C-alpha atoms as a PDB file:
ATOM      1  CA  MET A   1      27.967  20.227  58.198  1.00  0.00           C
ATOM      2  CA  ASN A   2      26.654  19.256  54.746  1.00  0.00           C
ATOM      3  CA  LYS A   3      23.351  18.168  56.320  1.00  0.00           C
ATOM      4  CA  VAL A   4      22.803  21.707  57.585  1.00  0.00           C
ATOM      5  CA  LEU A   5      24.222  23.585  54.597  1.00  0.00           C
ATOM      6  CA  ILE A   6      22.061  21.970  51.898  1.00  0.00           C
ATOM      7  CA  PRO A   7      18.657  22.686  53.549  1.00  0.00           C
ATOM      8  CA  ALA A   8      19.769  26.206  54.451  1.00  0.00           C
ATOM      9  CA  LEU A   9      20.811  26.849  50.837  1.00  0.00           C
ATOM     10  CA  PHE A  10      17.475  25.474  49.598  1.00  0.00           C
ATOM     11  CA  ILE A  11      15.520  27.760  51.950  1.00  0.00           C
ATOM     12  CA  PHE A  12      17.638  30.736  50.903  1.00  0.00           C
ATOM     13  CA  LEU A  13      16.957  30.087  47.212  1.00  0.00           C
ATOM     14  CA  LEU A  14      13.242  29.693  47.893  1.00  0.00           C
ATOM     15  CA  LEU A  15      13.130  33.024  49.737  1.00  0.00           C
ATOM     16  CA  LEU A  16      15.123  34.705  46.986  1.00  0.00           C
ATOM     17  CA  GLN A  17      12.591  33.579  44.382  1.00  0.00           C
ATOM     18  CA  ALA A  18       9.653  34.750  46.517  1.00  0.00           C
ATOM     19  CA  CYS A  19      11.006  38.305  46.508  1.00  0.00           C
ATOM     20  CA  SER A  20      10.344  39.174  42.874  1.00  0.00           C
ATOM     21  CA  PRO A  21      11.216  42.792  42.170  1.00  0.00           C
ATOM     22  CA  ALA A  22       9.211  45.237  40.076  1.00  0.00           C
ATOM     23  CA  MET A  23      10.524  45.415  36.524  1.00  0.00           C
ATOM     24  CA  ASP A  24      11.721  48.387  34.504  1.00  0.00           C
ATOM     25  CA  ALA A  25       8.833  49.669  32.377  1.00  0.00           C
ATOM     26  CA  GLY A  26      10.844  52.264  30.498  1.00  0.00           C
ATOM     27  CA  GLU A  27       8.918  55.488  29.929  1.00  0.00           C
ATOM     28  CA  VAL A  28       5.500  53.995  30.739  1.00  0.00           C
ATOM     29  CA  ASN A  29       3.856  56.029  33.509  1.00  0.00           C
ATOM     30  CA  LEU A  30       3.188  53.317  36.088  1.00  0.00           C
ATOM     31  CA  ASP A  31       1.330  55.671  38.441  1.00  0.00           C
ATOM     32  CA  ASN A  32      -1.192  56.357  35.674  1.00  0.00           C
ATOM     33  CA  TRP A  33      -1.290  52.658  34.794  1.00  0.00           C
ATOM     34  CA  LYS A  34      -2.139  51.636  38.365  1.00  0.00           C
ATOM     35  CA  ALA A  35      -4.671  54.473  38.777  1.00  0.00           C
ATOM     36  CA  ASP A  36      -6.591  53.481  35.637  1.00  0.00           C
ATOM     37  CA  ARG A  37      -8.431  50.328  36.724  1.00  0.00           C
ATOM     38  CA  TYR A  38     -10.325  48.718  33.830  1.00  0.00           C
ATOM     39  CA  GLY A  39      -9.093  51.502  31.496  1.00  0.00           C
ATOM     40  CA  CYS A  40     -11.954  53.765  32.595  1.00  0.00           C
ATOM     41  CA  LYS A  41      -9.914  56.994  32.587  1.00  0.00           C
ATOM     42  CA  GLY A  42      -7.972  56.376  29.368  1.00  0.00           C
ATOM     43  CA  LEU A  43      -4.629  56.957  31.097  1.00  0.00           C
ATOM     44  CA  ARG A  44      -3.098  53.654  30.004  1.00  0.00           C
ATOM     45  CA  LEU A  45      -3.933  54.347  26.374  1.00  0.00           C
ATOM     46  CA  GLN A  46      -1.667  57.423  26.477  1.00  0.00           C
ATOM     47  CA  ASP A  47       1.360  55.123  26.898  1.00  0.00           C
ATOM     48  CA  LEU A  48       0.374  52.569  24.243  1.00  0.00           C
ATOM     49  CA  GLU A  49       3.317  53.204  21.913  1.00  0.00           C
ATOM     50  CA  LYS A  50       5.784  53.287  24.816  1.00  0.00           C
ATOM     51  CA  PHE A  51       4.411  49.960  26.055  1.00  0.00           C
ATOM     52  CA  ARG A  52       4.519  48.460  22.538  1.00  0.00           C
ATOM     53  CA  ALA A  53       8.251  49.238  22.384  1.00  0.00           C
ATOM     54  CA  ILE A  54       9.052  47.320  25.593  1.00  0.00           C
ATOM     55  CA  LYS A  55       6.371  44.605  25.780  1.00  0.00           C
ATOM     56  CA  ASN A  56       8.739  41.768  24.876  1.00  0.00           C
ATOM     57  CA  ASP A  57      11.043  42.735  27.761  1.00  0.00           C
ATOM     58  CA  PHE A  58       8.506  41.057  30.064  1.00  0.00           C
ATOM     59  CA  LEU A  59       8.835  37.602  28.482  1.00  0.00           C
ATOM     60  CA  GLY A  60      10.059  35.171  31.124  1.00  0.00           C
ATOM     61  CA  ALA A  61       9.050  37.413  34.028  1.00  0.00           C
ATOM     62  CA  ASP A  62       7.096  35.788  36.848  1.00  0.00           C
ATOM     63  CA  ASN A  63       3.536  36.772  37.735  1.00  0.00           C
ATOM     64  CA  GLN A  64       4.589  38.549  40.945  1.00  0.00           C
ATOM     65  CA  SER A  65       6.956  40.835  39.023  1.00  0.00           C
ATOM     66  CA  ILE A  66       4.132  41.758  36.650  1.00  0.00           C
ATOM     67  CA  ILE A  67       1.827  42.552  39.581  1.00  0.00           C
ATOM     68  CA  LYS A  68       4.503  44.618  41.339  1.00  0.00           C
ATOM     69  CA  THR A  69       5.183  46.526  38.119  1.00  0.00           C
ATOM     70  CA  PHE A  70       1.673  47.150  36.747  1.00  0.00           C
ATOM     71  CA  GLY A  71      -0.508  46.588  39.790  1.00  0.00           C
ATOM     72  CA  ARG A  72      -3.267  44.051  40.236  1.00  0.00           C
ATOM     73  CA  PRO A  73      -4.618  42.818  36.881  1.00  0.00           C
ATOM     74  CA  ASP A  74      -8.090  43.984  35.855  1.00  0.00           C
ATOM     75  CA  ARG A  75      -9.017  40.375  35.203  1.00  0.00           C
ATOM     76  CA  VAL A  76      -7.314  36.996  35.566  1.00  0.00           C
ATOM     77  CA  GLU A  77      -8.484  34.099  33.445  1.00  0.00           C
ATOM     78  CA  LEU A  78      -7.443  30.515  34.051  1.00  0.00           C
ATOM     79  CA  VAL A  79      -7.639  28.650  30.747  1.00  0.00           C
ATOM     80  CA  ASP A  80      -6.505  25.262  31.982  1.00  0.00           C
ATOM     81  CA  LYS A  81      -3.977  23.918  34.459  1.00  0.00           C
ATOM     82  CA  SER A  82      -1.098  24.936  32.239  1.00  0.00           C
ATOM     83  CA  GLN A  83      -1.863  28.568  31.432  1.00  0.00           C
ATOM     84  CA  SER A  84      -3.592  31.709  32.615  1.00  0.00           C
ATOM     85  CA  PHE A  85      -3.962  35.294  31.416  1.00  0.00           C
ATOM     86  CA  PHE A  86      -3.583  38.661  33.096  1.00  0.00           C
ATOM     87  CA  PHE A  87      -5.785  41.333  31.480  1.00  0.00           C
ATOM     88  CA  TYR A  88      -5.019  45.053  31.693  1.00  0.00           C
ATOM     89  CA  PHE A  89      -7.593  47.118  29.785  1.00  0.00           C
ATOM     90  CA  LEU A  90      -6.296  50.080  27.764  1.00  0.00           C
ATOM     91  CA  GLU A  91      -9.740  51.261  26.685  1.00  0.00           C
ATOM     92  CA  PRO A  92     -12.786  51.443  28.972  1.00  0.00           C
ATOM     93  CA  SER A  93     -14.188  47.980  29.686  1.00  0.00           C
ATOM     94  CA  GLU A  94     -17.669  46.847  30.665  1.00  0.00           C
ATOM     95  CA  ALA A  95     -16.717  47.389  34.335  1.00  0.00           C
ATOM     96  CA  CYS A  96     -16.626  51.177  33.809  1.00  0.00           C
ATOM     97  CA  GLU A  97     -19.685  53.234  34.641  1.00  0.00           C
ATOM     98  CA  GLU A  98     -21.524  54.937  31.784  1.00  0.00           C
ATOM     99  CA  VAL A  99     -19.739  52.909  29.118  1.00  0.00           C
ATOM    100  CA  GLU A 100     -21.836  51.286  26.462  1.00  0.00           C
ATOM    101  CA  LYS A 101     -20.216  48.218  25.026  1.00  0.00           C
ATOM    102  CA  GLU A 102     -19.974  48.927  21.305  1.00  0.00           C
ATOM    103  CA  LYS A 103     -16.905  46.775  20.710  1.00  0.00           C
ATOM    104  CA  GLU A 104     -14.374  44.780  22.674  1.00  0.00           C
ATOM    105  CA  PRO A 105     -11.924  47.142  24.400  1.00  0.00           C
ATOM    106  CA  LEU A 106      -8.216  47.156  23.601  1.00  0.00           C
ATOM    107  CA  ARG A 107      -6.262  45.298  26.276  1.00  0.00           C
ATOM    108  CA  VAL A 108      -2.849  43.947  27.165  1.00  0.00           C
ATOM    109  CA  LEU A 109      -2.738  40.194  27.739  1.00  0.00           C
ATOM    110  CA  PHE A 110       0.084  38.545  29.628  1.00  0.00           C
ATOM    111  CA  ARG A 111      -0.050  34.782  28.987  1.00  0.00           C
ATOM    112  CA  MET A 112       1.385  32.826  31.920  1.00  0.00           C
ATOM    113  CA  ASN A 113       2.622  29.272  31.519  1.00  0.00           C
ATOM    114  CA  ALA A 114       2.336  26.440  34.058  1.00  0.00           C
ATOM    115  CA  ILE A 115       5.156  27.838  36.208  1.00  0.00           C
ATOM    116  CA  SER A 116       3.657  31.368  36.246  1.00  0.00           C
ATOM    117  CA  LYS A 117       6.173  32.858  33.821  1.00  0.00           C
ATOM    118  CA  VAL A 118       5.135  35.196  31.000  1.00  0.00           C
ATOM    119  CA  SER A 119       5.233  33.322  27.696  1.00  0.00           C
ATOM    120  CA  GLU A 120       3.475  35.925  25.522  1.00  0.00           C
ATOM    121  CA  VAL A 121       2.520  39.608  25.688  1.00  0.00           C
ATOM    122  CA  THR A 122      -0.229  40.716  23.313  1.00  0.00           C
ATOM    123  CA  ILE A 123      -2.073  43.986  22.686  1.00  0.00           C
ATOM    124  CA  THR A 124      -5.460  43.023  21.263  1.00  0.00           C
ATOM    125  CA  THR A 125      -9.232  43.380  21.300  1.00  0.00           C
ATOM    126  CA  LEU A 126      -9.700  39.610  21.101  1.00  0.00           C
ATOM    127  CA  ASN A 127     -10.310  37.300  24.029  1.00  0.00           C
ATOM    128  CA  PRO A 128      -7.925  34.373  24.467  1.00  0.00           C
END
């Protein structure tokens, strides 16, 4: 019986981890967030202060939870084998039509560690 129970428990735990739920984003309007790809419409910027208040709540979350909460990232950057970044632009980025690049746009960066968990959340105009 132990030979059957241990593999079944392992498979159950693996499936449980694969089903990452969306996270609570407080008062941030997630419909606007998801509809504002690359920050072109300025909808994400409206919730900047609300996001600032809860940004550290996402530390330790896995990448799938971030995607289910905020939608597909505007850009993903792999720095090396041990970390990557999810970019969500708050201000219009170079991908927006009719936007002249005067300065780097404000963005939210989720830094993911080697096991795809959020290790840092930053609101910045700087690139990693």
